[in-house]
N, C-alpha and C. Protein backbone atom coordinates (compact mmCIF):
# COMPACT_ATOMS: atom_id res chain seq x y z
N MET A 1 90.08 107.98 100.33
CA MET A 1 90.93 107.24 99.18
C MET A 1 91.45 106.05 99.56
N ASN A 2 91.40 104.92 99.00
CA ASN A 2 91.92 103.67 99.27
C ASN A 2 93.45 103.29 98.83
N PHE A 3 93.63 101.99 98.87
CA PHE A 3 94.91 101.66 98.46
C PHE A 3 94.96 101.65 96.76
N GLU A 4 94.26 101.21 96.24
CA GLU A 4 93.87 101.10 94.74
C GLU A 4 93.87 102.61 94.05
N GLU A 5 93.12 103.44 94.58
CA GLU A 5 93.07 104.94 93.89
C GLU A 5 94.32 105.63 94.13
N ALA A 6 94.90 105.26 95.31
CA ALA A 6 96.22 106.10 95.72
C ALA A 6 97.39 105.48 94.48
N LEU A 7 97.40 104.36 94.30
CA LEU A 7 98.34 103.57 93.29
C LEU A 7 98.02 104.34 92.06
N ALA A 8 96.72 104.32 91.62
CA ALA A 8 96.22 104.58 90.23
C ALA A 8 96.83 106.22 89.65
N ILE A 9 97.08 107.13 90.86
CA ILE A 9 97.97 108.17 90.54
C ILE A 9 99.30 108.00 89.79
N PHE A 10 99.85 106.88 89.91
CA PHE A 10 100.98 106.41 89.57
C PHE A 10 101.15 105.67 88.39
N VAL A 11 100.29 105.21 87.67
CA VAL A 11 100.01 104.71 86.43
C VAL A 11 100.78 105.29 85.49
N GLY A 12 101.91 104.38 84.96
CA GLY A 12 102.94 104.99 83.94
C GLY A 12 104.27 105.07 84.39
N ARG A 13 104.34 104.71 85.86
CA ARG A 13 105.53 105.34 86.70
C ARG A 13 106.36 103.87 86.89
N HIS A 14 107.44 103.69 87.14
CA HIS A 14 108.28 102.65 87.36
C HIS A 14 108.16 102.24 88.95
N VAL A 15 107.69 100.94 89.22
CA VAL A 15 107.63 100.40 90.44
C VAL A 15 108.40 99.33 90.59
N GLU A 16 108.37 99.00 92.28
CA GLU A 16 108.80 97.74 92.65
C GLU A 16 107.72 97.37 93.51
N VAL A 17 107.26 95.98 93.20
CA VAL A 17 105.95 95.38 94.11
C VAL A 17 106.71 94.14 94.89
N GLN A 18 106.63 94.19 96.40
CA GLN A 18 106.91 93.16 96.91
C GLN A 18 106.07 92.28 97.60
N GLN A 19 106.01 90.98 97.16
CA GLN A 19 104.97 90.06 97.84
C GLN A 19 105.88 89.12 98.73
N THR A 20 104.90 88.36 99.46
CA THR A 20 105.73 87.42 100.50
C THR A 20 106.78 86.53 99.72
N ASN A 21 106.44 85.85 98.38
CA ASN A 21 107.17 85.03 97.81
C ASN A 21 108.21 85.61 96.53
N GLN A 22 107.55 86.84 96.35
CA GLN A 22 108.36 87.37 95.17
C GLN A 22 108.20 88.84 95.10
N PHE A 23 109.17 89.55 94.03
CA PHE A 23 109.76 90.95 93.71
C PHE A 23 109.56 90.96 92.43
N ILE A 24 108.79 92.01 92.21
CA ILE A 24 108.31 92.44 90.75
C ILE A 24 108.67 93.90 90.39
N GLN A 25 109.54 94.17 89.38
CA GLN A 25 109.76 95.28 88.92
C GLN A 25 109.25 95.73 87.73
N GLY A 26 108.73 96.76 87.63
CA GLY A 26 108.34 97.38 85.99
C GLY A 26 107.62 98.69 85.98
N THR A 27 106.37 98.73 85.04
CA THR A 27 105.76 100.07 85.12
C THR A 27 104.35 99.58 85.54
N LEU A 28 103.59 100.74 86.17
CA LEU A 28 102.72 100.26 86.66
C LEU A 28 101.52 100.69 85.52
N ALA A 29 100.77 99.41 85.20
CA ALA A 29 99.71 99.98 83.82
C ALA A 29 98.19 100.15 84.58
N SER A 30 98.00 99.50 85.59
CA SER A 30 96.48 99.90 86.11
C SER A 30 96.84 99.46 87.55
N SER A 31 95.50 100.09 88.02
CA SER A 31 95.02 99.73 89.53
C SER A 31 93.74 100.08 89.72
N SER A 32 92.63 98.77 89.77
CA SER A 32 91.46 98.79 90.09
C SER A 32 90.83 97.33 90.17
N GLY A 33 89.65 97.12 90.93
CA GLY A 33 89.28 95.90 90.84
C GLY A 33 89.93 94.91 91.66
N GLY A 34 91.03 95.80 92.68
CA GLY A 34 91.47 94.58 93.44
C GLY A 34 92.77 93.99 92.87
N ILE A 35 93.22 94.29 91.84
CA ILE A 35 93.96 94.13 90.83
C ILE A 35 95.00 95.15 90.44
N LEU A 36 96.39 94.87 90.54
CA LEU A 36 97.58 95.83 90.13
C LEU A 36 97.97 95.46 88.87
N ALA A 37 98.21 95.42 88.12
CA ALA A 37 98.83 95.17 86.52
C ALA A 37 100.21 96.08 86.36
N VAL A 38 101.19 95.18 86.30
CA VAL A 38 102.67 95.67 86.13
C VAL A 38 103.02 95.13 84.65
N ASP A 39 103.49 96.19 83.84
CA ASP A 39 104.33 95.62 82.96
C ASP A 39 106.00 95.16 83.23
N THR A 40 106.20 94.00 83.34
CA THR A 40 107.41 93.83 84.26
C THR A 40 108.71 94.11 83.04
N VAL A 41 109.78 93.89 83.42
CA VAL A 41 110.98 94.10 82.82
C VAL A 41 111.73 92.72 83.42
N SER A 42 112.71 92.30 82.21
CA SER A 42 113.21 90.78 82.48
C SER A 42 114.28 91.02 83.66
N THR A 43 114.07 90.17 84.50
CA THR A 43 114.77 89.87 86.19
C THR A 43 115.29 88.52 86.13
N ASN A 44 115.95 88.24 87.46
CA ASN A 44 116.24 86.99 87.62
C ASN A 44 114.76 86.41 88.27
N TYR A 45 113.83 86.98 88.61
CA TYR A 45 112.73 86.42 89.06
C TYR A 45 111.64 85.99 87.99
N ILE A 46 111.67 86.82 86.98
CA ILE A 46 110.67 86.63 85.40
C ILE A 46 111.70 86.61 84.54
N PRO A 47 112.13 85.91 84.15
CA PRO A 47 112.92 85.93 82.75
C PRO A 47 112.56 86.88 81.53
N THR A 48 111.38 87.10 81.16
CA THR A 48 110.63 87.44 80.07
C THR A 48 110.06 88.90 80.55
N ALA A 49 109.90 89.79 79.52
CA ALA A 49 109.14 90.96 79.90
C ALA A 49 107.34 90.28 79.56
N GLN A 50 106.73 90.92 80.68
CA GLN A 50 105.02 90.44 80.57
C GLN A 50 104.16 91.47 81.12
N ARG A 51 103.29 91.17 81.22
CA ARG A 51 102.15 91.92 81.87
C ARG A 51 101.72 90.83 83.34
N VAL A 52 101.73 91.67 84.45
CA VAL A 52 101.52 90.54 85.71
C VAL A 52 100.32 91.35 86.16
N ASN A 53 99.43 90.40 86.63
CA ASN A 53 98.10 90.91 87.31
C ASN A 53 98.46 90.52 88.86
N ILE A 54 98.62 91.34 89.76
CA ILE A 54 98.69 91.24 91.18
C ILE A 54 97.69 91.47 92.05
N SER A 55 97.17 90.58 92.73
CA SER A 55 96.06 91.01 93.72
C SER A 55 96.38 91.76 95.08
N THR A 56 95.74 92.90 95.17
CA THR A 56 96.52 94.03 96.03
C THR A 56 96.43 93.17 97.46
N ASN A 57 95.47 92.38 97.97
CA ASN A 57 95.80 91.58 98.95
C ASN A 57 96.88 90.81 99.31
N SER A 58 97.66 90.57 98.33
CA SER A 58 98.89 89.87 98.43
C SER A 58 100.21 91.02 98.40
N VAL A 59 100.07 92.08 98.47
CA VAL A 59 101.24 92.94 98.12
C VAL A 59 101.55 93.52 99.51
N ALA A 60 102.94 93.13 99.91
CA ALA A 60 103.33 93.64 101.05
C ALA A 60 103.94 95.00 100.89
N LEU A 61 104.19 95.74 99.72
CA LEU A 61 105.08 96.79 99.44
C LEU A 61 105.16 97.06 98.13
N VAL A 62 104.72 98.50 97.78
CA VAL A 62 105.03 99.05 96.62
C VAL A 62 105.89 100.45 96.89
N ARG A 63 106.90 100.34 96.04
CA ARG A 63 107.95 101.42 96.07
C ARG A 63 107.77 102.26 94.63
N ILE A 64 107.20 103.54 94.35
CA ILE A 64 107.41 104.19 93.39
C ILE A 64 108.79 104.74 93.13
N LEU A 65 109.21 104.27 92.08
CA LEU A 65 110.92 104.81 91.66
C LEU A 65 110.80 106.35 91.10
N PRO A 66 111.70 106.92 91.55
CA PRO A 66 111.52 108.36 90.82
C PRO A 66 111.92 108.46 89.35
N LEU A 67 111.47 109.51 88.61
CA LEU A 67 111.49 109.74 87.08
C LEU A 67 112.87 110.00 86.83
């Protein structure tokens, strides 16, 4: 099992994704092909809700939030 497969189990859960230069919070929409798709919530970093595609190579940390 690789990183993407491990995260695919958590599709639909609230997550926090940290990269070197940004922090993204939202719902994990998908994890495949080297890309994480996160439906974001409005925060100081991202002012409007949107779907963000993140390269798995740039991910420093993914935190799966409790239900």
